[in-house]
Amino acid sequence: MHASRSFYGRLLDGLIQGAAALAALCILSICILMVSMSLSREFGINLRGADDLIAWLCAAAAFLILAQTFQHGGIVRVEIFLGTLSPKWKQRLEITSLTVMSIFCLFALSAFSLFVFQSWDFNDVSQGQIIVPLWIPQIFAAIGCFIFFLSVLDELARVLRGDKPRYQQMAEERLSAGDFGETL
């Protein structure tokens, strides 16, 4: 079982789960919109702007689910290579990788945040069928990137303390339960 989490850790886990729930709602909304578009064509009805909504929902879902995917070990790692290393070198490589990843996340977060701010500042609106201030759909990329950044920092802190990263723990739990789907 996992060690007990601090207040910050539980708060972050709740944030990650909330973002994952929003991503699931986005995917459900995409499904409903696509089925509605298909059915409406049969009755000669044109659902204007549905394509725009679907595109925004796809982007929102992709960014909102990043942290949970990372936390659960769904992001590609090179386990075959890592398995050949001593525990000391494996920890060093994990620290290096998570540090580089957190720097990249911080860069992406700053770029997305600037993009959202500029869209808001310039009153930029969408050019499709539905006129929406662009900062509204864009903000989900920044939010998802922020939560992902926090989850990477959380894993970096765990590895710096000498603990196993959660994504490694979860992968080991899946293997011990007989779930080899992620390893094939």
N, C-alpha and C. Protein backbone atom coordinates (compact mmCIF):
# COMPACT_ATOMS: atom_id res chain seq x y z
N MET A 1 0.85 -1.18 0.00
CA MET A 1 0.00 0.00 0.00
C MET A 1 0.89 1.24 0.00
N HIS A 2 0.38 2.31 -0.47
CA HIS A 2 1.13 3.55 -0.56
C HIS A 2 1.30 4.19 0.81
N ALA A 3 2.44 4.86 1.00
CA ALA A 3 2.66 5.60 2.23
C ALA A 3 1.64 6.74 2.30
N SER A 4 1.31 7.17 3.53
CA SER A 4 0.32 8.23 3.66
C SER A 4 0.85 9.51 3.03
N ARG A 5 -0.03 10.24 2.43
CA ARG A 5 0.33 11.46 1.73
C ARG A 5 0.12 12.66 2.63
N SER A 6 0.92 13.68 2.43
CA SER A 6 0.78 14.94 3.16
C SER A 6 -0.50 15.64 2.70
N PHE A 7 -0.83 16.72 3.38
CA PHE A 7 -1.99 17.51 2.96
C PHE A 7 -1.81 17.98 1.52
N TYR A 8 -0.59 18.47 1.19
CA TYR A 8 -0.31 18.91 -0.17
C TYR A 8 -0.50 17.75 -1.16
N GLY A 9 0.00 16.58 -0.79
CA GLY A 9 -0.12 15.42 -1.67
C GLY A 9 -1.57 15.02 -1.91
N ARG A 10 -2.37 15.04 -0.85
CA ARG A 10 -3.80 14.71 -1.00
C ARG A 10 -4.52 15.78 -1.82
N LEU A 11 -4.14 17.04 -1.60
CA LEU A 11 -4.72 18.13 -2.38
C LEU A 11 -4.37 17.98 -3.86
N LEU A 12 -3.11 17.66 -4.14
CA LEU A 12 -2.68 17.46 -5.52
C LEU A 12 -3.40 16.26 -6.14
N ASP A 13 -3.53 15.18 -5.39
CA ASP A 13 -4.26 14.01 -5.90
C ASP A 13 -5.71 14.36 -6.23
N GLY A 14 -6.33 15.17 -5.38
CA GLY A 14 -7.70 15.60 -5.65
C GLY A 14 -7.78 16.48 -6.89
N LEU A 15 -6.80 17.35 -7.05
CA LEU A 15 -6.73 18.21 -8.22
C LEU A 15 -6.56 17.38 -9.50
N ILE A 16 -5.68 16.38 -9.42
CA ILE A 16 -5.45 15.49 -10.57
C ILE A 16 -6.70 14.71 -10.90
N GLN A 17 -7.39 14.20 -9.88
CA GLN A 17 -8.62 13.45 -10.12
C GLN A 17 -9.73 14.35 -10.66
N GLY A 18 -9.80 15.58 -10.16
CA GLY A 18 -10.79 16.53 -10.68
C GLY A 18 -10.53 16.85 -12.15
N ALA A 19 -9.27 17.06 -12.50
CA ALA A 19 -8.93 17.33 -13.90
C ALA A 19 -9.25 16.11 -14.77
N ALA A 20 -8.99 14.92 -14.25
CA ALA A 20 -9.31 13.70 -15.00
C ALA A 20 -10.82 13.56 -15.20
N ALA A 21 -11.59 13.93 -14.18
CA ALA A 21 -13.06 13.89 -14.31
C ALA A 21 -13.53 14.89 -15.36
N LEU A 22 -12.93 16.08 -15.38
CA LEU A 22 -13.28 17.06 -16.42
C LEU A 22 -12.90 16.55 -17.80
N ALA A 23 -11.75 15.88 -17.91
CA ALA A 23 -11.35 15.31 -19.20
C ALA A 23 -12.36 14.25 -19.65
N ALA A 24 -12.82 13.45 -18.70
CA ALA A 24 -13.83 12.43 -19.03
C ALA A 24 -15.12 13.08 -19.50
N LEU A 25 -15.51 14.18 -18.85
CA LEU A 25 -16.71 14.90 -19.29
C LEU A 25 -16.52 15.49 -20.69
N CYS A 26 -15.31 15.96 -20.97
CA CYS A 26 -15.02 16.46 -22.32
C CYS A 26 -15.20 15.35 -23.35
N ILE A 27 -14.68 14.17 -23.04
CA ILE A 27 -14.78 13.05 -23.97
C ILE A 27 -16.24 12.62 -24.14
N LEU A 28 -16.98 12.60 -23.04
CA LEU A 28 -18.41 12.28 -23.13
C LEU A 28 -19.13 13.32 -23.99
N SER A 29 -18.79 14.59 -23.80
CA SER A 29 -19.40 15.66 -24.59
C SER A 29 -19.07 15.51 -26.07
N ILE A 30 -17.84 15.11 -26.36
CA ILE A 30 -17.44 14.87 -27.76
C ILE A 30 -18.30 13.77 -28.36
N CYS A 31 -18.48 12.71 -27.60
CA CYS A 31 -19.29 11.58 -28.06
C CYS A 31 -20.73 12.03 -28.33
N ILE A 32 -21.29 12.77 -27.40
CA ILE A 32 -22.68 13.25 -27.56
C ILE A 32 -22.79 14.16 -28.78
N LEU A 33 -21.83 15.07 -28.94
CA LEU A 33 -21.86 15.98 -30.09
C LEU A 33 -21.72 15.22 -31.41
N MET A 34 -20.82 14.24 -31.44
CA MET A 34 -20.62 13.50 -32.70
C MET A 34 -21.85 12.67 -33.07
N VAL A 35 -22.46 12.04 -32.08
CA VAL A 35 -23.68 11.28 -32.34
C VAL A 35 -24.79 12.23 -32.77
N SER A 36 -24.89 13.37 -32.11
CA SER A 36 -25.91 14.37 -32.47
C SER A 36 -25.70 14.87 -33.90
N MET A 37 -24.45 15.09 -34.27
CA MET A 37 -24.16 15.53 -35.64
C MET A 37 -24.59 14.47 -36.66
N SER A 38 -24.28 13.22 -36.35
CA SER A 38 -24.65 12.13 -37.27
C SER A 38 -26.17 12.00 -37.39
N LEU A 39 -26.85 12.05 -36.27
CA LEU A 39 -28.32 11.94 -36.30
C LEU A 39 -28.96 13.16 -36.96
N SER A 40 -28.40 14.33 -36.72
CA SER A 40 -29.00 15.54 -37.29
C SER A 40 -28.90 15.55 -38.82
N ARG A 41 -27.85 14.96 -39.34
CA ARG A 41 -27.71 14.89 -40.81
C ARG A 41 -28.83 14.05 -41.42
N GLU A 42 -29.25 13.03 -40.70
CA GLU A 42 -30.34 12.17 -41.19
C GLU A 42 -31.65 12.93 -41.31
N PHE A 43 -31.81 13.96 -40.50
CA PHE A 43 -33.04 14.75 -40.52
C PHE A 43 -32.86 16.09 -41.22
N GLY A 44 -31.70 16.27 -41.88
CA GLY A 44 -31.44 17.49 -42.63
C GLY A 44 -31.18 18.72 -41.76
N ILE A 45 -30.73 18.49 -40.56
CA ILE A 45 -30.42 19.60 -39.64
C ILE A 45 -28.91 19.78 -39.58
N ASN A 46 -28.48 21.03 -39.63
CA ASN A 46 -27.06 21.33 -39.55
C ASN A 46 -26.75 21.87 -38.15
N LEU A 47 -25.92 21.17 -37.41
CA LEU A 47 -25.50 21.64 -36.08
C LEU A 47 -24.27 22.53 -36.26
N ARG A 48 -24.52 23.80 -36.41
CA ARG A 48 -23.44 24.76 -36.63
C ARG A 48 -22.56 24.89 -35.39
N GLY A 49 -21.27 24.90 -35.64
CA GLY A 49 -20.32 25.10 -34.57
C GLY A 49 -19.94 23.86 -33.79
N ALA A 50 -20.57 22.74 -34.09
CA ALA A 50 -20.26 21.51 -33.35
C ALA A 50 -18.81 21.09 -33.58
N ASP A 51 -18.31 21.29 -34.80
CA ASP A 51 -16.91 20.96 -35.08
C ASP A 51 -15.96 21.78 -34.22
N ASP A 52 -16.27 23.06 -34.05
CA ASP A 52 -15.44 23.92 -33.20
C ASP A 52 -15.46 23.42 -31.76
N LEU A 53 -16.63 23.11 -31.26
CA LEU A 53 -16.75 22.62 -29.89
C LEU A 53 -15.98 21.32 -29.70
N ILE A 54 -16.07 20.43 -30.67
CA ILE A 54 -15.37 19.15 -30.59
C ILE A 54 -13.86 19.38 -30.55
N ALA A 55 -13.36 20.28 -31.38
CA ALA A 55 -11.92 20.57 -31.39
C ALA A 55 -11.47 21.12 -30.04
N TRP A 56 -12.23 22.05 -29.47
CA TRP A 56 -11.87 22.61 -28.17
C TRP A 56 -11.93 21.56 -27.07
N LEU A 57 -12.94 20.71 -27.13
CA LEU A 57 -13.07 19.66 -26.12
C LEU A 57 -11.94 18.64 -26.23
N CYS A 58 -11.52 18.32 -27.45
CA CYS A 58 -10.38 17.40 -27.64
C CYS A 58 -9.12 17.96 -27.01
N ALA A 59 -8.85 19.23 -27.27
CA ALA A 59 -7.66 19.87 -26.70
C ALA A 59 -7.74 19.92 -25.18
N ALA A 60 -8.90 20.27 -24.66
CA ALA A 60 -9.07 20.33 -23.20
C ALA A 60 -8.85 18.96 -22.57
N ALA A 61 -9.45 17.93 -23.15
CA ALA A 61 -9.30 16.57 -22.61
C ALA A 61 -7.84 16.13 -22.63
N ALA A 62 -7.13 16.41 -23.71
CA ALA A 62 -5.73 16.00 -23.83
C ALA A 62 -4.87 16.63 -22.74
N PHE A 63 -5.07 17.89 -22.44
CA PHE A 63 -4.25 18.55 -21.44
C PHE A 63 -4.70 18.25 -20.01
N LEU A 64 -5.99 18.11 -19.80
CA LEU A 64 -6.48 17.85 -18.45
C LEU A 64 -6.11 16.46 -17.94
N ILE A 65 -5.89 15.52 -18.83
CA ILE A 65 -5.59 14.14 -18.41
C ILE A 65 -4.09 13.88 -18.28
N LEU A 66 -3.26 14.83 -18.67
CA LEU A 66 -1.80 14.62 -18.64
C LEU A 66 -1.28 14.18 -17.28
N ALA A 67 -1.66 14.87 -16.23
CA ALA A 67 -1.11 14.58 -14.90
C ALA A 67 -1.49 13.19 -14.43
N GLN A 68 -2.75 12.80 -14.62
CA GLN A 68 -3.15 11.46 -14.18
C GLN A 68 -2.46 10.38 -15.01
N THR A 69 -2.32 10.63 -16.29
CA THR A 69 -1.63 9.67 -17.15
C THR A 69 -0.19 9.50 -16.67
N PHE A 70 0.47 10.59 -16.36
CA PHE A 70 1.84 10.54 -15.85
C PHE A 70 1.89 9.82 -14.51
N GLN A 71 1.02 10.20 -13.61
CA GLN A 71 1.02 9.64 -12.26
C GLN A 71 0.80 8.12 -12.27
N HIS A 72 0.00 7.65 -13.22
CA HIS A 72 -0.31 6.22 -13.29
C HIS A 72 0.62 5.44 -14.21
N GLY A 73 1.68 6.08 -14.70
CA GLY A 73 2.67 5.37 -15.51
C GLY A 73 2.26 5.18 -16.95
N GLY A 74 1.36 6.00 -17.45
CA GLY A 74 0.90 5.86 -18.83
C GLY A 74 1.74 6.60 -19.84
N ILE A 75 2.75 7.34 -19.38
CA ILE A 75 3.63 8.05 -20.30
C ILE A 75 4.83 7.15 -20.56
N VAL A 76 5.26 7.10 -21.79
CA VAL A 76 6.31 6.17 -22.23
C VAL A 76 7.60 6.38 -21.43
N ARG A 77 8.11 5.28 -20.93
CA ARG A 77 9.40 5.27 -20.24
C ARG A 77 10.22 4.13 -20.80
N VAL A 78 11.49 4.15 -20.55
CA VAL A 78 12.38 3.13 -21.10
C VAL A 78 12.76 2.17 -19.98
N GLU A 79 11.81 1.31 -19.60
CA GLU A 79 12.00 0.40 -18.48
C GLU A 79 13.07 -0.64 -18.76
N ILE A 80 13.21 -1.09 -19.99
CA ILE A 80 14.22 -2.10 -20.30
C ILE A 80 15.60 -1.55 -19.97
N PHE A 81 15.85 -0.29 -20.38
CA PHE A 81 17.13 0.35 -20.09
C PHE A 81 17.29 0.60 -18.60
N LEU A 82 16.25 1.12 -17.95
CA LEU A 82 16.33 1.43 -16.53
C LEU A 82 16.56 0.18 -15.68
N GLY A 83 16.03 -0.94 -16.14
CA GLY A 83 16.19 -2.19 -15.41
C GLY A 83 17.62 -2.71 -15.39
N THR A 84 18.44 -2.24 -16.30
CA THR A 84 19.84 -2.68 -16.34
C THR A 84 20.74 -1.85 -15.43
N LEU A 85 20.22 -0.77 -14.88
CA LEU A 85 21.03 0.12 -14.06
C LEU A 85 21.00 -0.27 -12.58
N SER A 86 22.05 0.10 -11.87
CA SER A 86 22.07 -0.09 -10.42
C SER A 86 21.05 0.88 -9.81
N PRO A 87 20.57 0.59 -8.60
CA PRO A 87 19.60 1.51 -7.97
C PRO A 87 20.12 2.95 -7.87
N LYS A 88 21.40 3.11 -7.61
CA LYS A 88 21.98 4.45 -7.48
C LYS A 88 21.91 5.21 -8.81
N TRP A 89 22.29 4.53 -9.91
CA TRP A 89 22.25 5.18 -11.23
C TRP A 89 20.82 5.37 -11.71
N LYS A 90 19.95 4.43 -11.36
CA LYS A 90 18.55 4.57 -11.73
C LYS A 90 17.96 5.81 -11.07
N GLN A 91 18.27 6.02 -9.77
CA GLN A 91 17.77 7.19 -9.07
C GLN A 91 18.34 8.47 -9.69
N ARG A 92 19.61 8.47 -10.03
CA ARG A 92 20.22 9.64 -10.66
C ARG A 92 19.53 9.96 -11.99
N LEU A 93 19.27 8.92 -12.78
CA LEU A 93 18.62 9.14 -14.07
C LEU A 93 17.18 9.62 -13.89
N GLU A 94 16.48 9.09 -12.88
CA GLU A 94 15.12 9.54 -12.58
C GLU A 94 15.14 11.02 -12.19
N ILE A 95 16.08 11.40 -11.34
CA ILE A 95 16.18 12.80 -10.90
C ILE A 95 16.48 13.70 -12.11
N THR A 96 17.42 13.29 -12.93
CA THR A 96 17.76 14.08 -14.11
C THR A 96 16.56 14.20 -15.05
N SER A 97 15.90 13.09 -15.30
CA SER A 97 14.75 13.09 -16.22
C SER A 97 13.61 13.95 -15.68
N LEU A 98 13.32 13.81 -14.40
CA LEU A 98 12.23 14.59 -13.81
C LEU A 98 12.58 16.07 -13.73
N THR A 99 13.85 16.38 -13.53
CA THR A 99 14.27 17.79 -13.53
C THR A 99 14.10 18.40 -14.91
N VAL A 100 14.57 17.69 -15.94
CA VAL A 100 14.41 18.18 -17.32
C VAL A 100 12.93 18.30 -17.66
N MET A 101 12.15 17.32 -17.25
CA MET A 101 10.72 17.34 -17.53
C MET A 101 10.03 18.51 -16.84
N SER A 102 10.43 18.80 -15.60
CA SER A 102 9.81 19.93 -14.89
C SER A 102 10.19 21.26 -15.54
N ILE A 103 11.41 21.37 -16.05
CA ILE A 103 11.82 22.59 -16.77
C ILE A 103 10.99 22.74 -18.04
N PHE A 104 10.82 21.65 -18.77
CA PHE A 104 10.00 21.69 -19.98
C PHE A 104 8.55 22.06 -19.65
N CYS A 105 8.01 21.47 -18.58
CA CYS A 105 6.64 21.79 -18.17
C CYS A 105 6.51 23.27 -17.80
N LEU A 106 7.50 23.80 -17.11
CA LEU A 106 7.47 25.22 -16.73
C LEU A 106 7.51 26.10 -17.97
N PHE A 107 8.32 25.72 -18.95
CA PHE A 107 8.37 26.47 -20.21
C PHE A 107 7.02 26.41 -20.91
N ALA A 108 6.45 25.21 -21.03
CA ALA A 108 5.15 25.06 -21.69
C ALA A 108 4.07 25.83 -20.94
N LEU A 109 4.09 25.77 -19.61
CA LEU A 109 3.11 26.49 -18.80
C LEU A 109 3.22 27.99 -19.03
N SER A 110 4.44 28.51 -19.06
CA SER A 110 4.59 29.95 -19.28
C SER A 110 4.12 30.34 -20.68
N ALA A 111 4.41 29.50 -21.68
CA ALA A 111 3.98 29.79 -23.06
C ALA A 111 2.45 29.76 -23.16
N PHE A 112 1.82 28.73 -22.59
CA PHE A 112 0.36 28.64 -22.64
C PHE A 112 -0.29 29.79 -21.88
N SER A 113 0.28 30.11 -20.72
CA SER A 113 -0.29 31.21 -19.91
C SER A 113 -0.18 32.54 -20.65
N LEU A 114 0.94 32.78 -21.29
CA LEU A 114 1.11 34.01 -22.08
C LEU A 114 0.11 34.03 -23.24
N PHE A 115 -0.06 32.89 -23.87
CA PHE A 115 -1.01 32.77 -24.99
C PHE A 115 -2.43 33.09 -24.53
N VAL A 116 -2.82 32.55 -23.39
CA VAL A 116 -4.15 32.81 -22.85
C VAL A 116 -4.29 34.29 -22.49
N PHE A 117 -3.28 34.84 -21.82
CA PHE A 117 -3.33 36.26 -21.44
C PHE A 117 -3.43 37.16 -22.67
N GLN A 118 -2.65 36.87 -23.71
CA GLN A 118 -2.70 37.69 -24.92
C GLN A 118 -4.05 37.60 -25.60
N SER A 119 -4.64 36.41 -25.63
CA SER A 119 -5.98 36.26 -26.22
C SER A 119 -7.00 37.08 -25.43
N TRP A 120 -6.88 37.06 -24.10
CA TRP A 120 -7.78 37.83 -23.25
C TRP A 120 -7.52 39.33 -23.44
N ASP A 121 -6.25 39.73 -23.44
CA ASP A 121 -5.88 41.14 -23.53
C ASP A 121 -6.30 41.76 -24.87
N PHE A 122 -6.17 40.99 -25.96
CA PHE A 122 -6.52 41.50 -27.29
C PHE A 122 -7.98 41.27 -27.64
N ASN A 123 -8.75 40.67 -26.72
CA ASN A 123 -10.15 40.32 -26.98
C ASN A 123 -10.27 39.46 -28.24
N ASP A 124 -9.35 38.50 -28.38
CA ASP A 124 -9.34 37.61 -29.54
C ASP A 124 -10.51 36.64 -29.44
N VAL A 125 -11.23 36.47 -30.56
CA VAL A 125 -12.37 35.56 -30.58
C VAL A 125 -12.17 34.52 -31.66
N SER A 126 -12.91 33.43 -31.52
CA SER A 126 -12.83 32.35 -32.50
C SER A 126 -13.37 32.81 -33.84
N GLN A 127 -12.95 32.12 -34.90
CA GLN A 127 -13.38 32.50 -36.24
C GLN A 127 -14.34 31.49 -36.86
N GLY A 128 -14.79 30.54 -36.06
CA GLY A 128 -15.69 29.52 -36.58
C GLY A 128 -17.15 29.95 -36.52
N GLN A 129 -18.02 28.97 -36.46
CA GLN A 129 -19.46 29.21 -36.42
C GLN A 129 -19.91 29.82 -35.09
N ILE A 130 -19.21 29.45 -34.03
CA ILE A 130 -19.55 29.95 -32.70
C ILE A 130 -18.48 30.97 -32.31
N ILE A 131 -18.91 32.17 -31.99
CA ILE A 131 -17.98 33.21 -31.59
C ILE A 131 -17.78 33.13 -30.08
N VAL A 132 -16.57 32.78 -29.67
CA VAL A 132 -16.23 32.61 -28.27
C VAL A 132 -14.90 33.31 -28.02
N PRO A 133 -14.75 34.01 -26.90
CA PRO A 133 -13.42 34.55 -26.58
C PRO A 133 -12.43 33.38 -26.50
N LEU A 134 -11.34 33.46 -27.24
CA LEU A 134 -10.42 32.33 -27.35
C LEU A 134 -9.75 31.94 -26.03
N TRP A 135 -9.66 32.87 -25.10
CA TRP A 135 -9.00 32.52 -23.84
C TRP A 135 -9.78 31.44 -23.10
N ILE A 136 -11.08 31.34 -23.36
CA ILE A 136 -11.89 30.35 -22.64
C ILE A 136 -11.49 28.91 -23.01
N PRO A 137 -11.46 28.52 -24.28
CA PRO A 137 -11.00 27.16 -24.56
C PRO A 137 -9.49 27.00 -24.34
N GLN A 138 -8.71 28.07 -24.51
CA GLN A 138 -7.26 27.97 -24.36
C GLN A 138 -6.84 27.78 -22.91
N ILE A 139 -7.63 28.25 -21.98
CA ILE A 139 -7.21 28.19 -20.58
C ILE A 139 -7.08 26.75 -20.07
N PHE A 140 -7.80 25.82 -20.70
CA PHE A 140 -7.72 24.43 -20.27
C PHE A 140 -6.34 23.83 -20.53
N ALA A 141 -5.67 24.28 -21.58
CA ALA A 141 -4.30 23.83 -21.84
C ALA A 141 -3.38 24.33 -20.73
N ALA A 142 -3.54 25.58 -20.33
CA ALA A 142 -2.70 26.14 -19.26
C ALA A 142 -2.99 25.44 -17.93
N ILE A 143 -4.26 25.20 -17.64
CA ILE A 143 -4.62 24.53 -16.38
C ILE A 143 -4.07 23.11 -16.36
N GLY A 144 -4.27 22.38 -17.45
CA GLY A 144 -3.75 21.02 -17.54
C GLY A 144 -2.23 20.98 -17.43
N CYS A 145 -1.56 21.92 -18.06
CA CYS A 145 -0.11 22.00 -17.99
C CYS A 145 0.35 22.33 -16.57
N PHE A 146 -0.38 23.20 -15.89
CA PHE A 146 -0.05 23.55 -14.50
C PHE A 146 -0.16 22.33 -13.59
N ILE A 147 -1.23 21.58 -13.72
CA ILE A 147 -1.43 20.39 -12.89
C ILE A 147 -0.36 19.34 -13.21
N PHE A 148 -0.03 19.20 -14.49
CA PHE A 148 1.02 18.28 -14.91
C PHE A 148 2.36 18.70 -14.29
N PHE A 149 2.66 19.99 -14.33
CA PHE A 149 3.89 20.52 -13.73
C PHE A 149 3.95 20.18 -12.25
N LEU A 150 2.85 20.38 -11.54
CA LEU A 150 2.81 20.06 -10.11
C LEU A 150 3.03 18.56 -9.87
N SER A 151 2.46 17.72 -10.73
CA SER A 151 2.63 16.27 -10.54
C SER A 151 4.07 15.85 -10.82
N VAL A 152 4.73 16.48 -11.79
CA VAL A 152 6.14 16.17 -12.05
C VAL A 152 7.00 16.60 -10.86
N LEU A 153 6.73 17.80 -10.31
CA LEU A 153 7.47 18.26 -9.13
C LEU A 153 7.25 17.33 -7.95
N ASP A 154 6.03 16.83 -7.80
CA ASP A 154 5.72 15.90 -6.72
C ASP A 154 6.54 14.62 -6.86
N GLU A 155 6.62 14.10 -8.06
CA GLU A 155 7.42 12.88 -8.28
C GLU A 155 8.91 13.16 -8.08
N LEU A 156 9.37 14.33 -8.52
CA LEU A 156 10.77 14.70 -8.31
C LEU A 156 11.08 14.76 -6.81
N ALA A 157 10.19 15.34 -6.03
CA ALA A 157 10.39 15.40 -4.58
C ALA A 157 10.44 13.99 -3.98
N ARG A 158 9.58 13.11 -4.45
CA ARG A 158 9.57 11.72 -3.96
C ARG A 158 10.91 11.04 -4.24
N VAL A 159 11.40 11.20 -5.46
CA VAL A 159 12.66 10.55 -5.84
C VAL A 159 13.83 11.17 -5.07
N LEU A 160 13.81 12.49 -4.87
CA LEU A 160 14.87 13.14 -4.10
C LEU A 160 14.89 12.65 -2.65
N ARG A 161 13.72 12.28 -2.10
CA ARG A 161 13.65 11.72 -0.74
C ARG A 161 14.11 10.27 -0.70
N GLY A 162 14.32 9.67 -1.87
CA GLY A 162 14.74 8.28 -1.93
C GLY A 162 13.59 7.30 -2.09
N ASP A 163 12.38 7.82 -2.30
CA ASP A 163 11.21 6.95 -2.51
C ASP A 163 11.09 6.59 -3.99
N LYS A 164 10.33 5.53 -4.24
CA LYS A 164 10.02 5.18 -5.62
C LYS A 164 8.99 6.16 -6.16
N PRO A 165 9.10 6.50 -7.44
CA PRO A 165 8.05 7.34 -8.03
C PRO A 165 6.73 6.56 -8.04
N ARG A 166 5.62 7.29 -7.96
CA ARG A 166 4.31 6.64 -7.95
C ARG A 166 4.04 5.88 -9.23
N TYR A 167 4.51 6.43 -10.36
CA TYR A 167 4.28 5.72 -11.63
C TYR A 167 4.97 4.37 -11.63
N GLN A 168 6.10 4.26 -10.97
CA GLN A 168 6.79 2.98 -10.88
C GLN A 168 6.05 2.04 -9.93
N GLN A 169 5.58 2.58 -8.80
CA GLN A 169 4.81 1.77 -7.86
C GLN A 169 3.56 1.22 -8.52
N MET A 170 2.85 2.07 -9.26
CA MET A 170 1.61 1.63 -9.90
C MET A 170 1.88 0.59 -10.98
N ALA A 171 2.99 0.76 -11.71
CA ALA A 171 3.35 -0.23 -12.73
C ALA A 171 3.66 -1.58 -12.06
N GLU A 172 4.37 -1.55 -10.94
CA GLU A 172 4.68 -2.78 -10.22
C GLU A 172 3.41 -3.44 -9.67
N GLU A 173 2.48 -2.63 -9.19
CA GLU A 173 1.21 -3.17 -8.69
C GLU A 173 0.42 -3.84 -9.81
N ARG A 174 0.41 -3.21 -11.00
CA ARG A 174 -0.30 -3.83 -12.13
C ARG A 174 0.35 -5.17 -12.50
N LEU A 175 1.68 -5.21 -12.53
CA LEU A 175 2.37 -6.45 -12.87
C LEU A 175 2.12 -7.53 -11.82
N SER A 176 2.15 -7.16 -10.55
CA SER A 176 1.92 -8.16 -9.50
C SER A 176 0.48 -8.67 -9.51
N ALA A 177 -0.43 -7.88 -10.03
CA ALA A 177 -1.84 -8.29 -10.14
C ALA A 177 -2.09 -9.11 -11.40
N GLY A 178 -1.03 -9.29 -12.22
CA GLY A 178 -1.17 -10.07 -13.44
C GLY A 178 -1.60 -9.26 -14.65
N ASP A 179 -1.56 -7.95 -14.54
CA ASP A 179 -1.92 -7.08 -15.68
C ASP A 179 -0.64 -6.74 -16.44
N PHE A 180 -0.46 -7.40 -17.57
CA PHE A 180 0.74 -7.17 -18.38
C PHE A 180 0.44 -6.33 -19.61
N GLY A 181 -0.72 -5.72 -19.65
CA GLY A 181 -1.15 -4.93 -20.81
C GLY A 181 -0.25 -3.75 -21.10
N GLU A 182 0.30 -3.11 -20.08
CA GLU A 182 1.15 -1.93 -20.28
C GLU A 182 2.54 -2.32 -20.74
N THR A 183 2.94 -3.59 -20.51
CA THR A 183 4.31 -3.99 -20.80
C THR A 183 4.45 -4.60 -22.18
N LEU A 184 3.36 -4.86 -22.86
CA LEU A 184 3.45 -5.51 -24.16
C LEU A 184 3.58 -4.52 -25.28
